Amino acid sequence: MPFSVRVANYQGNQMLNICDSHLLGKNISENDLTINISKNYYGDKIVEKKEAITLLKNCSIINMVGKETISLSLSLGIGAQQSIKTIDSVPFLIVFKM
């Protein structure tokens, strides 16, 4: 499964925005909460699993959306199941590594 990613420097940290590629460009909403999975934020390039793993391991701030993305992150020991939130059945997770 391909992943859509964007890497940026934020206050001296490498920040990764990553999502399941099929979610790119979609809006998800539930009650008063809406997330726009925009190309500007998540869509710099499409990568395969191997590169996604490297990015997940090396970035210190990670914004992630989608079942495949979060499953991969959890399998690497990045993030915690209890921290995952869902909007319209789509999981999202934000991780700050110390």
Protein backbone atom coordinates (compact mmCIF):
# COMPACT_ATOMS: atom_id res chain seq x y z
CA MET A 1 0.00 0.00 0.00
CA PRO A 2 1.39 3.42 -0.90
CA PHE A 3 1.49 6.28 1.57
CA SER A 4 1.29 10.00 0.90
CA VAL A 5 3.85 12.05 2.81
CA ARG A 6 5.16 15.53 3.38
CA VAL A 7 8.23 16.24 5.49
CA ALA A 8 8.88 19.70 6.90
CA ASN A 9 11.15 21.33 9.46
CA TYR A 10 9.18 22.72 12.36
CA GLN A 11 10.94 24.57 15.18
CA GLY A 12 14.12 22.56 14.70
CA ASN A 13 12.31 19.21 14.44
CA GLN A 14 11.60 17.08 11.43
CA MET A 15 7.81 16.80 11.08
CA LEU A 16 6.15 14.06 9.05
CA ASN A 17 2.59 14.31 7.75
CA ILE A 18 1.60 10.88 6.45
CA CYS A 19 -1.66 9.25 5.36
CA ASP A 20 -3.01 6.27 3.47
CA SER A 21 -2.72 7.48 -0.12
CA HIS A 22 -6.36 6.73 -0.97
CA LEU A 23 -7.45 9.30 1.65
CA LEU A 24 -5.57 12.17 0.02
CA GLY A 25 -7.90 15.01 -0.93
CA LYS A 26 -10.82 13.79 1.18
CA ASN A 27 -12.70 15.53 3.96
CA ILE A 28 -13.81 13.44 6.90
CA SER A 29 -16.25 14.73 9.45
CA GLU A 30 -18.25 13.68 12.45
CA ASN A 31 -20.42 15.95 14.57
CA ASP A 32 -18.61 19.33 14.77
CA LEU A 33 -15.17 18.00 13.81
CA THR A 34 -13.85 17.99 10.24
CA ILE A 35 -10.42 17.08 8.93
CA ASN A 36 -9.33 18.01 5.43
CA ILE A 37 -6.70 15.52 4.27
CA SER A 38 -5.29 18.04 1.85
CA LYS A 39 -2.61 17.66 -0.79
CA ASN A 40 -0.91 20.77 0.64
CA TYR A 41 -0.47 19.11 4.04
CA TYR A 42 -0.09 15.40 3.25
CA GLY A 43 0.64 15.21 -0.46
CA ASP A 44 4.22 16.13 -1.25
CA LYS A 45 5.01 12.65 -2.60
CA ILE A 46 3.86 9.03 -2.66
CA VAL A 47 6.14 6.47 -1.01
CA GLU A 48 6.07 2.73 -0.50
CA LYS A 49 6.22 0.93 2.84
CA LYS A 50 10.02 0.78 3.10
CA GLU A 51 10.45 4.55 2.80
CA ALA A 52 7.44 5.17 5.07
CA ILE A 53 9.13 3.04 7.77
CA THR A 54 12.34 5.09 7.50
CA LEU A 55 10.42 8.35 7.76
CA LEU A 56 8.35 7.14 10.72
CA LYS A 57 11.50 6.10 12.57
CA ASN A 58 13.44 9.30 11.85
CA CYS A 59 10.91 12.09 12.33
CA SER A 60 10.19 13.51 15.76
CA ILE A 61 6.70 14.93 15.11
CA ILE A 62 4.26 12.76 13.17
CA ASN A 63 0.71 13.56 12.06
CA MET A 64 -0.89 10.44 10.63
CA VAL A 65 -4.26 9.49 9.19
CA GLY A 66 -5.57 6.14 8.01
CA LYS A 67 -5.74 2.52 9.09
CA GLU A 68 -2.67 1.33 7.16
CA THR A 69 -0.50 4.25 8.26
CA ILE A 70 -1.37 3.90 11.93
CA SER A 71 -1.09 0.12 11.86
CA LEU A 72 2.42 0.44 10.42
CA SER A 73 3.37 3.03 13.04
CA LEU A 74 2.10 0.89 15.93
CA SER A 75 3.98 -2.15 14.57
CA LEU A 76 7.17 -0.06 14.86
CA GLY A 77 6.39 0.89 18.46
CA ILE A 78 5.54 4.46 17.51
CA GLY A 79 2.38 5.76 19.16
CA ALA A 80 -0.12 4.04 21.43
CA GLN A 81 -3.42 2.35 20.67
CA GLN A 82 -5.21 4.34 23.39
CA SER A 83 -4.14 7.64 21.78
CA ILE A 84 -5.84 6.95 18.45
CA LYS A 85 -8.91 9.05 17.70
CA THR A 86 -11.47 8.33 15.00
CA ILE A 87 -13.56 10.57 12.81
CA ASP A 88 -16.11 8.91 10.54
CA SER A 89 -14.34 5.54 11.03
CA VAL A 90 -10.97 7.01 9.91
CA PRO A 91 -8.28 6.85 12.62
CA PHE A 92 -5.79 9.64 13.22
CA LEU A 93 -2.87 9.97 15.58
CA ILE A 94 -0.32 12.64 16.45
CA VAL A 95 3.01 11.61 17.99
CA PHE A 96 5.72 13.77 19.55
CA LYS A 97 8.94 11.84 20.21
CA MET A 98 11.08 13.05 23.08
